[in-house]
């Protein structure tokens, strides 16, 4: 390890021994790492191109179709990015994929869009839960929630995005949108208000 690399690292071995200088070094590193977040997210999204999950299209194609449908419906950029990334947790959170996507997006999106992404799994169940012995109306526990209708609308797009003959916008069309949405957090515990 070079001297320059060592000088750019905190000196403490326990957080309660850290100094302001240590934390400034760490904050600088975190800022540099955060600058590459959009690229890491896009790279992970591309991994979904290797998996169909048994559907008629790959998970990546499903994501592209959902985002294209949102774009064609005139939704704003943040919503389109949510549509693109709503299933990014499929391969990492097999039993809670919506939670994984929601936690990645949370610092960068509105409360409503976050709620939609976080709850789309249970709302999507309306279209298939009954085939698996589950209650397709499970989403009704949220019927009085102010974002219920918005999530149901999102899932109408989502459930229609498994068509092998659909012409999706290419991922390159969405990349600048992802970069803009991930450029600056709207809210984070690591950011002064």
N, C-alpha and C. Protein backbone atom coordinates (compact mmCIF):
# COMPACT_ATOMS: atom_id res chain seq x y z
N UNK A 1 0.85 -1.17 0.00
CA UNK A 1 0.00 0.00 0.00
C UNK A 1 0.90 1.25 0.00
N UNK A 2 0.61 2.19 -0.86
CA UNK A 2 1.44 3.39 -0.96
C UNK A 2 1.19 4.33 0.21
N UNK A 3 2.16 5.20 0.45
CA UNK A 3 2.02 6.20 1.52
C UNK A 3 0.83 7.10 1.25
N UNK A 4 0.64 7.47 -0.04
CA UNK A 4 -0.49 8.33 -0.40
C UNK A 4 -1.82 7.68 -0.04
N UNK A 5 -1.92 6.37 -0.31
CA UNK A 5 -3.16 5.65 0.01
C UNK A 5 -3.37 5.61 1.52
N UNK A 6 -2.32 5.35 2.28
CA UNK A 6 -2.44 5.32 3.73
C UNK A 6 -2.80 6.67 4.30
N UNK A 7 -2.26 7.74 3.73
CA UNK A 7 -2.57 9.09 4.21
C UNK A 7 -4.02 9.47 3.91
N UNK A 8 -4.63 8.81 2.96
CA UNK A 8 -6.01 9.11 2.59
C UNK A 8 -7.00 8.22 3.33
N UNK A 9 -6.52 7.58 4.40
CA UNK A 9 -7.39 6.71 5.19
C UNK A 9 -7.47 7.20 6.62
N UNK A 10 -8.61 6.94 7.24
CA UNK A 10 -8.78 7.30 8.65
C UNK A 10 -7.78 6.53 9.51
N UNK A 11 -7.44 7.09 10.64
CA UNK A 11 -6.43 6.49 11.51
C UNK A 11 -7.04 5.66 12.64
N UNK A 12 -8.33 5.81 12.92
CA UNK A 12 -8.91 5.13 14.08
C UNK A 12 -9.18 3.66 13.82
N UNK A 13 -9.25 2.91 14.90
CA UNK A 13 -9.63 1.49 14.85
C UNK A 13 -10.97 1.26 15.53
N UNK A 14 -11.50 2.30 16.15
CA UNK A 14 -12.82 2.30 16.77
C UNK A 14 -13.46 3.64 16.45
N UNK A 15 -14.72 3.64 16.11
CA UNK A 15 -15.39 4.90 15.76
C UNK A 15 -15.32 5.94 16.87
N UNK A 16 -15.38 5.49 18.12
CA UNK A 16 -15.36 6.47 19.21
C UNK A 16 -13.99 7.14 19.38
N UNK A 17 -13.02 6.73 18.57
CA UNK A 17 -11.70 7.36 18.57
C UNK A 17 -11.47 8.23 17.34
N UNK A 18 -12.47 8.32 16.47
CA UNK A 18 -12.33 9.08 15.24
C UNK A 18 -12.24 10.58 15.49
N UNK A 19 -11.55 11.25 14.58
CA UNK A 19 -11.40 12.70 14.66
C UNK A 19 -12.15 13.34 13.49
N UNK A 20 -12.28 14.65 13.56
CA UNK A 20 -12.91 15.36 12.44
C UNK A 20 -12.13 15.11 11.15
N UNK A 21 -10.81 15.09 11.22
CA UNK A 21 -9.99 14.83 10.03
C UNK A 21 -10.29 13.43 9.47
N UNK A 22 -10.40 12.44 10.34
CA UNK A 22 -10.74 11.09 9.91
C UNK A 22 -12.06 11.09 9.13
N UNK A 23 -13.05 11.76 9.70
CA UNK A 23 -14.38 11.74 9.10
C UNK A 23 -14.43 12.57 7.82
N UNK A 24 -13.60 13.56 7.69
CA UNK A 24 -13.50 14.30 6.43
C UNK A 24 -12.91 13.41 5.33
N UNK A 25 -11.91 12.60 5.70
CA UNK A 25 -11.32 11.65 4.74
C UNK A 25 -12.39 10.66 4.28
N UNK A 26 -13.13 10.11 5.24
CA UNK A 26 -14.17 9.13 4.92
C UNK A 26 -15.27 9.76 4.07
N UNK A 27 -15.68 10.98 4.43
CA UNK A 27 -16.72 11.67 3.66
C UNK A 27 -16.28 11.89 2.21
N UNK A 28 -15.01 12.24 2.03
CA UNK A 28 -14.49 12.44 0.67
C UNK A 28 -14.54 11.13 -0.12
N UNK A 29 -14.12 10.04 0.50
CA UNK A 29 -14.18 8.72 -0.17
C UNK A 29 -15.63 8.36 -0.50
N UNK A 30 -16.53 8.58 0.44
CA UNK A 30 -17.94 8.25 0.21
C UNK A 30 -18.52 9.08 -0.94
N UNK A 31 -18.13 10.34 -1.01
CA UNK A 31 -18.59 11.18 -2.12
C UNK A 31 -18.11 10.66 -3.46
N UNK A 32 -16.85 10.23 -3.50
CA UNK A 32 -16.30 9.67 -4.75
C UNK A 32 -17.03 8.37 -5.12
N UNK A 33 -17.29 7.54 -4.12
CA UNK A 33 -18.00 6.28 -4.36
C UNK A 33 -19.44 6.54 -4.81
N UNK A 34 -20.10 7.51 -4.19
CA UNK A 34 -21.49 7.83 -4.53
C UNK A 34 -21.60 8.31 -5.98
N UNK A 35 -20.56 8.94 -6.48
CA UNK A 35 -20.59 9.44 -7.86
C UNK A 35 -20.77 8.32 -8.87
N UNK A 36 -20.40 7.11 -8.50
CA UNK A 36 -20.54 5.97 -9.41
C UNK A 36 -21.77 5.13 -9.17
N UNK A 37 -22.67 5.58 -8.29
CA UNK A 37 -23.85 4.79 -7.94
C UNK A 37 -24.73 4.48 -9.15
N UNK A 38 -25.01 5.48 -9.96
CA UNK A 38 -25.89 5.25 -11.12
C UNK A 38 -25.31 4.17 -12.03
N UNK A 39 -24.00 4.19 -12.25
CA UNK A 39 -23.38 3.18 -13.10
C UNK A 39 -23.49 1.78 -12.48
N UNK A 40 -23.31 1.69 -11.15
CA UNK A 40 -23.43 0.38 -10.50
C UNK A 40 -24.87 -0.13 -10.58
N UNK A 41 -25.83 0.76 -10.40
CA UNK A 41 -27.24 0.36 -10.50
C UNK A 41 -27.55 -0.12 -11.92
N UNK A 42 -27.09 0.62 -12.91
CA UNK A 42 -27.33 0.22 -14.31
C UNK A 42 -26.65 -1.11 -14.62
N UNK A 43 -25.44 -1.31 -14.12
CA UNK A 43 -24.75 -2.58 -14.34
C UNK A 43 -25.51 -3.73 -13.71
N UNK A 44 -26.05 -3.51 -12.51
CA UNK A 44 -26.83 -4.57 -11.88
C UNK A 44 -28.12 -4.83 -12.65
N UNK A 45 -28.75 -3.78 -13.13
CA UNK A 45 -29.96 -3.95 -13.93
C UNK A 45 -29.68 -4.83 -15.15
N UNK A 46 -28.54 -4.61 -15.78
CA UNK A 46 -28.18 -5.39 -16.97
C UNK A 46 -28.02 -6.88 -16.65
N UNK A 47 -27.68 -7.22 -15.40
CA UNK A 47 -27.59 -8.63 -15.01
C UNK A 47 -28.93 -9.34 -15.16
N UNK A 48 -30.03 -8.57 -15.10
CA UNK A 48 -31.36 -9.17 -15.23
C UNK A 48 -31.61 -9.68 -16.65
N UNK A 49 -30.73 -9.34 -17.57
CA UNK A 49 -30.86 -9.82 -18.95
C UNK A 49 -30.52 -11.29 -19.11
N UNK A 50 -29.98 -11.91 -18.07
CA UNK A 50 -29.61 -13.32 -18.12
C UNK A 50 -30.67 -14.23 -17.51
N UNK A 51 -31.80 -13.67 -17.10
CA UNK A 51 -32.78 -14.45 -16.34
C UNK A 51 -34.20 -14.13 -16.80
N UNK A 52 -34.97 -15.17 -17.06
CA UNK A 52 -36.38 -14.96 -17.40
C UNK A 52 -37.28 -15.16 -16.18
N UNK A 53 -36.80 -15.88 -15.18
CA UNK A 53 -37.67 -16.19 -14.04
C UNK A 53 -38.88 -17.00 -14.47
N UNK A 54 -38.82 -17.60 -15.65
CA UNK A 54 -39.94 -18.37 -16.17
C UNK A 54 -40.93 -17.56 -17.00
N UNK A 55 -40.74 -16.25 -17.06
CA UNK A 55 -41.62 -15.39 -17.85
C UNK A 55 -41.28 -15.48 -19.33
N UNK A 56 -42.10 -14.89 -20.17
CA UNK A 56 -41.91 -14.93 -21.62
C UNK A 56 -40.77 -14.02 -22.08
N UNK A 57 -40.32 -13.12 -21.21
CA UNK A 57 -39.22 -12.20 -21.53
C UNK A 57 -38.24 -12.20 -20.35
N UNK A 58 -37.04 -11.70 -20.57
CA UNK A 58 -36.08 -11.61 -19.46
C UNK A 58 -36.56 -10.55 -18.47
N UNK A 59 -36.01 -10.61 -17.30
CA UNK A 59 -36.34 -9.62 -16.28
C UNK A 59 -35.91 -8.22 -16.73
N UNK A 60 -34.80 -8.14 -17.47
CA UNK A 60 -34.37 -6.84 -18.01
C UNK A 60 -35.39 -6.34 -19.03
N UNK A 61 -35.82 -7.19 -19.94
CA UNK A 61 -36.80 -6.77 -20.94
C UNK A 61 -38.09 -6.34 -20.26
N UNK A 62 -38.51 -7.04 -19.22
CA UNK A 62 -39.70 -6.62 -18.46
C UNK A 62 -39.51 -5.22 -17.90
N UNK A 63 -38.34 -4.96 -17.35
CA UNK A 63 -38.05 -3.63 -16.79
C UNK A 63 -38.08 -2.56 -17.87
N UNK A 64 -37.49 -2.86 -19.02
CA UNK A 64 -37.49 -1.92 -20.14
C UNK A 64 -38.91 -1.68 -20.65
N UNK A 65 -39.70 -2.74 -20.71
CA UNK A 65 -41.09 -2.58 -21.16
C UNK A 65 -41.88 -1.72 -20.18
N UNK A 66 -41.71 -1.96 -18.89
CA UNK A 66 -42.45 -1.18 -17.89
C UNK A 66 -42.07 0.29 -17.99
N UNK A 67 -40.77 0.57 -18.12
CA UNK A 67 -40.30 1.95 -18.24
C UNK A 67 -40.79 2.59 -19.54
N UNK A 68 -40.80 1.82 -20.62
CA UNK A 68 -41.29 2.34 -21.90
C UNK A 68 -42.78 2.66 -21.81
N UNK A 69 -43.54 1.79 -21.19
CA UNK A 69 -44.98 2.05 -21.01
C UNK A 69 -45.20 3.31 -20.17
N UNK A 70 -44.40 3.49 -19.13
CA UNK A 70 -44.51 4.69 -18.30
C UNK A 70 -44.15 5.93 -19.12
N UNK A 71 -43.10 5.83 -19.92
CA UNK A 71 -42.69 6.94 -20.79
C UNK A 71 -43.81 7.27 -21.78
N UNK A 72 -44.36 6.24 -22.41
CA UNK A 72 -45.43 6.44 -23.40
C UNK A 72 -46.70 7.00 -22.77
N UNK A 73 -46.89 6.76 -21.47
CA UNK A 73 -48.05 7.29 -20.75
C UNK A 73 -47.82 8.73 -20.28
N UNK A 74 -46.64 9.29 -20.59
CA UNK A 74 -46.36 10.67 -20.24
C UNK A 74 -45.93 10.88 -18.80
N UNK A 75 -45.49 9.83 -18.14
CA UNK A 75 -45.05 9.96 -16.74
C UNK A 75 -43.74 10.75 -16.68
N UNK A 76 -43.47 11.33 -15.52
CA UNK A 76 -42.24 12.12 -15.38
C UNK A 76 -41.03 11.20 -15.23
N UNK A 77 -39.85 11.82 -15.31
CA UNK A 77 -38.60 11.07 -15.34
C UNK A 77 -38.39 10.21 -14.09
N UNK A 78 -38.70 10.75 -12.94
CA UNK A 78 -38.53 9.98 -11.71
C UNK A 78 -39.40 8.72 -11.72
N UNK A 79 -40.62 8.85 -12.15
CA UNK A 79 -41.54 7.71 -12.24
C UNK A 79 -41.02 6.68 -13.23
N UNK A 80 -40.51 7.15 -14.37
CA UNK A 80 -39.96 6.25 -15.39
C UNK A 80 -38.78 5.47 -14.83
N UNK A 81 -37.91 6.15 -14.09
CA UNK A 81 -36.77 5.46 -13.47
C UNK A 81 -37.26 4.44 -12.45
N UNK A 82 -38.28 4.77 -11.70
CA UNK A 82 -38.87 3.79 -10.77
C UNK A 82 -39.41 2.59 -11.53
N UNK A 83 -40.06 2.84 -12.66
CA UNK A 83 -40.57 1.75 -13.49
C UNK A 83 -39.43 0.88 -14.01
N UNK A 84 -38.33 1.51 -14.38
CA UNK A 84 -37.17 0.77 -14.88
C UNK A 84 -36.55 -0.10 -13.79
N UNK A 85 -36.48 0.42 -12.58
CA UNK A 85 -35.74 -0.24 -11.51
C UNK A 85 -36.61 -1.00 -10.51
N UNK A 86 -37.92 -1.03 -10.71
CA UNK A 86 -38.81 -1.60 -9.69
C UNK A 86 -38.52 -3.06 -9.37
N UNK A 87 -37.96 -3.81 -10.29
CA UNK A 87 -37.66 -5.22 -10.05
C UNK A 87 -36.17 -5.51 -9.94
N UNK A 88 -35.36 -4.48 -9.73
CA UNK A 88 -33.91 -4.68 -9.65
C UNK A 88 -33.54 -5.61 -8.50
N UNK A 89 -34.41 -5.75 -7.53
CA UNK A 89 -34.14 -6.64 -6.40
C UNK A 89 -34.48 -8.10 -6.65
N UNK A 90 -34.97 -8.43 -7.83
CA UNK A 90 -35.40 -9.81 -8.10
C UNK A 90 -34.33 -10.85 -7.79
N UNK A 91 -33.09 -10.59 -8.16
CA UNK A 91 -32.05 -11.60 -7.99
C UNK A 91 -31.38 -11.53 -6.62
N UNK A 92 -31.51 -10.42 -5.92
CA UNK A 92 -30.89 -10.27 -4.60
C UNK A 92 -31.88 -10.49 -3.46
N UNK A 93 -33.15 -10.24 -3.72
CA UNK A 93 -34.18 -10.38 -2.69
C UNK A 93 -35.33 -11.21 -3.22
N UNK A 94 -35.10 -12.49 -3.36
CA UNK A 94 -36.10 -13.37 -3.96
C UNK A 94 -37.43 -13.34 -3.23
N UNK A 95 -37.41 -13.04 -1.94
CA UNK A 95 -38.64 -13.03 -1.15
C UNK A 95 -39.07 -11.63 -0.75
N UNK A 96 -38.31 -10.62 -1.17
CA UNK A 96 -38.68 -9.24 -0.85
C UNK A 96 -38.11 -8.27 -1.89
N UNK A 97 -38.25 -8.61 -3.15
CA UNK A 97 -37.63 -7.82 -4.22
C UNK A 97 -38.09 -6.36 -4.22
N UNK A 98 -39.34 -6.11 -3.89
CA UNK A 98 -39.86 -4.74 -3.89
C UNK A 98 -39.16 -3.91 -2.81
N UNK A 99 -38.89 -4.53 -1.66
CA UNK A 99 -38.19 -3.82 -0.59
C UNK A 99 -36.77 -3.44 -1.01
N UNK A 100 -36.10 -4.34 -1.72
CA UNK A 100 -34.73 -4.08 -2.17
C UNK A 100 -34.72 -2.89 -3.12
N UNK A 101 -35.61 -2.90 -4.10
CA UNK A 101 -35.68 -1.78 -5.06
C UNK A 101 -36.03 -0.48 -4.33
N UNK A 102 -36.97 -0.55 -3.41
CA UNK A 102 -37.42 0.66 -2.71
C UNK A 102 -36.30 1.27 -1.88
N UNK A 103 -35.50 0.45 -1.23
CA UNK A 103 -34.44 0.99 -0.38
C UNK A 103 -33.33 1.62 -1.23
N UNK A 104 -33.07 1.09 -2.40
CA UNK A 104 -32.06 1.69 -3.30
C UNK A 104 -32.55 3.05 -3.79
N UNK A 105 -33.82 3.13 -4.14
CA UNK A 105 -34.38 4.36 -4.71
C UNK A 105 -34.74 5.43 -3.67
N UNK A 106 -35.01 5.03 -2.45
CA UNK A 106 -35.59 5.93 -1.44
C UNK A 106 -34.93 7.30 -1.32
N UNK A 107 -33.61 7.42 -1.26
CA UNK A 107 -33.04 8.76 -1.08
C UNK A 107 -33.27 9.72 -2.24
N UNK A 108 -33.67 9.18 -3.40
CA UNK A 108 -33.70 9.97 -4.63
C UNK A 108 -35.09 10.29 -5.17
N UNK A 109 -36.12 9.72 -4.55
CA UNK A 109 -37.46 9.84 -5.12
C UNK A 109 -38.46 10.37 -4.10
N UNK A 110 -39.63 10.72 -4.61
CA UNK A 110 -40.70 11.25 -3.75
C UNK A 110 -41.24 10.15 -2.84
N UNK A 111 -41.93 10.59 -1.80
CA UNK A 111 -42.57 9.66 -0.87
C UNK A 111 -43.58 8.76 -1.63
N UNK A 112 -44.33 9.35 -2.54
CA UNK A 112 -45.32 8.58 -3.29
C UNK A 112 -44.66 7.52 -4.16
N UNK A 113 -43.64 7.90 -4.92
CA UNK A 113 -42.97 6.92 -5.78
C UNK A 113 -42.30 5.83 -4.95
N UNK A 114 -41.74 6.21 -3.81
CA UNK A 114 -41.14 5.21 -2.93
C UNK A 114 -42.20 4.22 -2.45
N UNK A 115 -43.36 4.72 -2.04
CA UNK A 115 -44.43 3.85 -1.56
C UNK A 115 -44.89 2.90 -2.67
N UNK A 116 -44.99 3.42 -3.87
CA UNK A 116 -45.41 2.59 -5.01
C UNK A 116 -44.42 1.45 -5.22
N UNK A 117 -43.13 1.76 -5.28
CA UNK A 117 -42.13 0.72 -5.51
C UNK A 117 -42.13 -0.27 -4.34
N UNK A 118 -42.19 0.22 -3.12
CA UNK A 118 -42.17 -0.65 -1.95
C UNK A 118 -43.37 -1.59 -1.89
N UNK A 119 -44.51 -1.16 -2.41
CA UNK A 119 -45.74 -1.95 -2.29
C UNK A 119 -46.18 -2.61 -3.59
N UNK A 120 -45.43 -2.43 -4.67
CA UNK A 120 -45.91 -2.98 -5.94
C UNK A 120 -46.02 -4.50 -5.92
N UNK A 121 -45.22 -5.18 -5.12
CA UNK A 121 -45.30 -6.64 -5.06
C UNK A 121 -46.65 -7.13 -4.59
N UNK A 122 -47.14 -6.56 -3.50
CA UNK A 122 -48.45 -6.98 -2.98
C UNK A 122 -49.58 -6.53 -3.91
N UNK A 123 -49.43 -5.37 -4.54
CA UNK A 123 -50.46 -4.89 -5.48
C UNK A 123 -50.45 -5.73 -6.75
N UNK A 124 -49.28 -6.15 -7.18
CA UNK A 124 -49.17 -6.98 -8.38
C UNK A 124 -49.85 -8.33 -8.15
N UNK A 125 -49.90 -8.74 -6.89
CA UNK A 125 -50.55 -10.01 -6.57
C UNK A 125 -51.99 -10.10 -7.01
N UNK A 126 -52.63 -8.96 -7.22
CA UNK A 126 -54.01 -8.95 -7.70
C UNK A 126 -54.15 -9.78 -8.99
N UNK A 127 -53.09 -9.78 -9.80
CA UNK A 127 -53.15 -10.45 -11.10
C UNK A 127 -52.82 -11.94 -11.05
N UNK A 128 -52.26 -12.44 -9.92
CA UNK A 128 -51.88 -13.86 -9.93
C UNK A 128 -51.96 -14.58 -8.58
N UNK A 129 -52.09 -13.88 -7.47
CA UNK A 129 -52.06 -14.56 -6.17
C UNK A 129 -53.07 -15.71 -6.09
N UNK A 130 -54.24 -15.53 -6.66
CA UNK A 130 -55.28 -16.56 -6.57
C UNK A 130 -54.86 -17.87 -7.24
N UNK A 131 -53.92 -17.81 -8.19
CA UNK A 131 -53.42 -19.02 -8.83
C UNK A 131 -52.44 -19.77 -7.94
N UNK A 132 -51.97 -19.12 -6.90
CA UNK A 132 -50.99 -19.72 -5.99
C UNK A 132 -51.59 -19.99 -4.61
N UNK A 133 -52.92 -19.90 -4.52
CA UNK A 133 -53.59 -20.16 -3.25
C UNK A 133 -53.51 -18.99 -2.28
N UNK A 134 -53.22 -17.81 -2.80
CA UNK A 134 -53.12 -16.61 -1.96
C UNK A 134 -54.31 -15.69 -2.26
N UNK A 135 -54.49 -14.71 -1.43
CA UNK A 135 -55.59 -13.77 -1.57
C UNK A 135 -55.21 -12.67 -2.56
N UNK A 136 -55.85 -12.66 -3.70
CA UNK A 136 -55.53 -11.65 -4.72
C UNK A 136 -55.88 -10.24 -4.26
N UNK A 137 -56.75 -10.12 -3.29
CA UNK A 137 -57.15 -8.82 -2.78
C UNK A 137 -56.37 -8.40 -1.53
N UNK A 138 -55.22 -9.01 -1.33
CA UNK A 138 -54.37 -8.68 -0.19
C UNK A 138 -54.07 -7.18 -0.16
N UNK A 139 -53.98 -6.58 -1.31
CA UNK A 139 -53.67 -5.14 -1.40
C UNK A 139 -54.75 -4.28 -0.75
N UNK A 140 -55.93 -4.84 -0.56
CA UNK A 140 -57.03 -4.05 0.00
C UNK A 140 -56.78 -3.60 1.43
N UNK A 141 -55.78 -4.19 2.10
CA UNK A 141 -55.45 -3.69 3.44
C UNK A 141 -54.96 -2.24 3.37
N UNK A 142 -54.60 -1.79 2.17
CA UNK A 142 -54.13 -0.42 1.97
C UNK A 142 -55.16 0.47 1.28
N UNK A 143 -56.40 0.00 1.17
CA UNK A 143 -57.41 0.71 0.36
C UNK A 143 -57.64 2.15 0.79
N UNK A 144 -57.37 2.49 2.03
CA UNK A 144 -57.56 3.86 2.50
C UNK A 144 -56.27 4.69 2.43
N UNK A 145 -55.22 4.11 1.94
CA UNK A 145 -53.94 4.83 1.86
C UNK A 145 -53.99 5.82 0.70
N UNK A 146 -53.44 7.02 0.88
CA UNK A 146 -53.51 8.03 -0.19
C UNK A 146 -52.80 7.62 -1.48
N UNK A 147 -51.89 6.64 -1.44
CA UNK A 147 -51.18 6.23 -2.66
C UNK A 147 -51.70 4.91 -3.24
N UNK A 148 -52.81 4.42 -2.71
CA UNK A 148 -53.39 3.15 -3.19
C UNK A 148 -53.66 3.20 -4.69
N UNK A 149 -54.39 4.19 -5.14
CA UNK A 149 -54.76 4.28 -6.56
C UNK A 149 -53.53 4.43 -7.44
N UNK A 150 -52.54 5.18 -6.99
CA UNK A 150 -51.32 5.36 -7.77
C UNK A 150 -50.56 4.05 -7.92
N UNK A 151 -50.53 3.26 -6.86
CA UNK A 151 -49.84 1.96 -6.93
C UNK A 151 -50.61 1.00 -7.83
N UNK A 152 -51.92 1.00 -7.75
CA UNK A 152 -52.74 0.15 -8.62
C UNK A 152 -52.51 0.54 -10.09
N UNK A 153 -52.41 1.85 -10.36
CA UNK A 153 -52.15 2.31 -11.72
C UNK A 153 -50.76 1.85 -12.19
N UNK A 154 -49.77 1.97 -11.33
CA UNK A 154 -48.43 1.51 -11.68
C UNK A 154 -48.46 0.02 -12.05
N UNK A 155 -49.18 -0.76 -11.27
CA UNK A 155 -49.24 -2.20 -11.51
C UNK A 155 -50.00 -2.55 -12.78
N UNK A 156 -50.89 -1.69 -13.23
CA UNK A 156 -51.54 -1.93 -14.53
C UNK A 156 -50.51 -1.85 -15.65
N UNK A 157 -49.54 -0.94 -15.53
CA UNK A 157 -48.44 -0.89 -16.49
C UNK A 157 -47.53 -2.10 -16.32
N UNK A 158 -47.15 -2.35 -15.09
CA UNK A 158 -46.22 -3.43 -14.76
C UNK A 158 -46.73 -4.78 -15.25
N UNK A 159 -48.00 -5.08 -15.03
CA UNK A 159 -48.53 -6.39 -15.40
C UNK A 159 -48.65 -6.59 -16.90
N UNK A 160 -48.58 -5.50 -17.66
CA UNK A 160 -48.70 -5.59 -19.13
C UNK A 160 -47.35 -5.61 -19.82
N UNK A 161 -46.28 -5.82 -19.08
CA UNK A 161 -44.92 -5.67 -19.62
C UNK A 161 -44.18 -6.99 -19.72
N UNK A 162 -44.82 -7.99 -20.34
CA UNK A 162 -44.21 -9.30 -20.51
C UNK A 162 -44.38 -9.80 -21.95
N UNK A 163 -44.39 -8.88 -22.90
CA UNK A 163 -44.74 -9.19 -24.28
C UNK A 163 -43.48 -9.34 -25.14
N UNK A 164 -43.20 -10.55 -25.64
CA UNK A 164 -42.01 -10.76 -26.47
C UNK A 164 -42.05 -9.95 -27.78
N UNK A 165 -43.22 -9.51 -28.20
CA UNK A 165 -43.34 -8.75 -29.46
C UNK A 165 -43.34 -7.23 -29.24
N UNK A 166 -43.23 -6.79 -28.01
CA UNK A 166 -43.23 -5.37 -27.68
C UNK A 166 -41.88 -4.75 -28.07
N UNK A 167 -41.92 -3.53 -28.59
CA UNK A 167 -40.67 -2.83 -28.90
C UNK A 167 -40.38 -1.84 -27.78
N UNK A 168 -39.42 -2.21 -26.95
CA UNK A 168 -39.02 -1.37 -25.83
C UNK A 168 -38.02 -0.32 -26.27
N UNK A 169 -38.00 0.77 -25.56
CA UNK A 169 -36.91 1.73 -25.71
C UNK A 169 -35.65 1.03 -25.21
N UNK A 170 -34.50 1.31 -25.81
CA UNK A 170 -33.26 0.66 -25.36
C UNK A 170 -32.80 1.20 -24.01
N UNK A 171 -32.03 0.42 -23.31
CA UNK A 171 -31.54 0.85 -21.99
C UNK A 171 -30.78 2.17 -22.10
N UNK A 172 -30.11 2.40 -23.22
CA UNK A 172 -29.36 3.65 -23.42
C UNK A 172 -30.26 4.88 -23.34
N UNK A 173 -31.51 4.75 -23.70
CA UNK A 173 -32.45 5.88 -23.63
C UNK A 173 -32.76 6.24 -22.18
N UNK A 174 -32.66 5.27 -21.29
CA UNK A 174 -32.98 5.49 -19.88
C UNK A 174 -31.76 5.88 -19.04
N UNK A 175 -30.57 5.57 -19.52
CA UNK A 175 -29.36 5.82 -18.74
C UNK A 175 -29.22 7.28 -18.28
N UNK A 176 -29.44 8.27 -19.16
CA UNK A 176 -29.34 9.66 -18.67
C UNK A 176 -30.38 9.98 -17.59
N UNK A 177 -31.55 9.38 -17.69
CA UNK A 177 -32.58 9.59 -16.67
C UNK A 177 -32.13 9.04 -15.33
N UNK A 178 -31.57 7.84 -15.35
CA UNK A 178 -31.08 7.22 -14.12
C UNK A 178 -29.99 8.10 -13.51
N UNK A 179 -29.08 8.59 -14.34
CA UNK A 179 -27.99 9.44 -13.84
C UNK A 179 -28.54 10.72 -13.21
N UNK A 180 -29.55 11.31 -13.83
CA UNK A 180 -30.12 12.55 -13.26
C UNK A 180 -30.85 12.28 -11.94
N UNK A 181 -31.62 11.21 -11.88
CA UNK A 181 -32.35 10.90 -10.65
C UNK A 181 -31.38 10.57 -9.51
N UNK A 182 -30.29 9.86 -9.82
CA UNK A 182 -29.33 9.47 -8.80
C UNK A 182 -28.25 10.53 -8.55
N UNK A 183 -28.35 11.66 -9.20
CA UNK A 183 -27.31 12.69 -9.08
C UNK A 183 -27.23 13.30 -7.69
N UNK A 184 -28.38 13.47 -7.05
CA UNK A 184 -28.37 14.13 -5.74
C UNK A 184 -29.54 13.61 -4.91
N UNK A 185 -29.24 13.12 -3.72
CA UNK A 185 -30.34 12.64 -2.87
C UNK A 185 -31.28 13.76 -2.47
N UNK A 186 -32.56 13.44 -2.38
CA UNK A 186 -33.56 14.38 -1.87
C UNK A 186 -33.55 14.35 -0.35
N UNK A 187 -33.25 13.18 0.20
CA UNK A 187 -33.24 13.01 1.65
C UNK A 187 -32.31 11.85 2.01
N UNK A 188 -31.46 12.07 3.00
CA UNK A 188 -30.57 11.02 3.49
C UNK A 188 -30.12 11.39 4.89
N UNK A 189 -29.95 10.40 5.75
CA UNK A 189 -29.44 10.69 7.08
C UNK A 189 -27.99 11.15 7.02
N UNK A 190 -27.32 10.93 5.90
CA UNK A 190 -25.91 11.30 5.74
C UNK A 190 -25.74 12.66 5.07
N UNK A 191 -26.81 13.41 5.02
CA UNK A 191 -26.80 14.70 4.35
C UNK A 191 -27.39 15.74 5.30
N UNK A 192 -26.66 16.83 5.49
CA UNK A 192 -27.17 17.90 6.35
C UNK A 192 -28.38 18.56 5.68
N UNK A 193 -29.38 18.90 6.49
CA UNK A 193 -30.58 19.49 5.90
C UNK A 193 -30.44 20.96 5.62
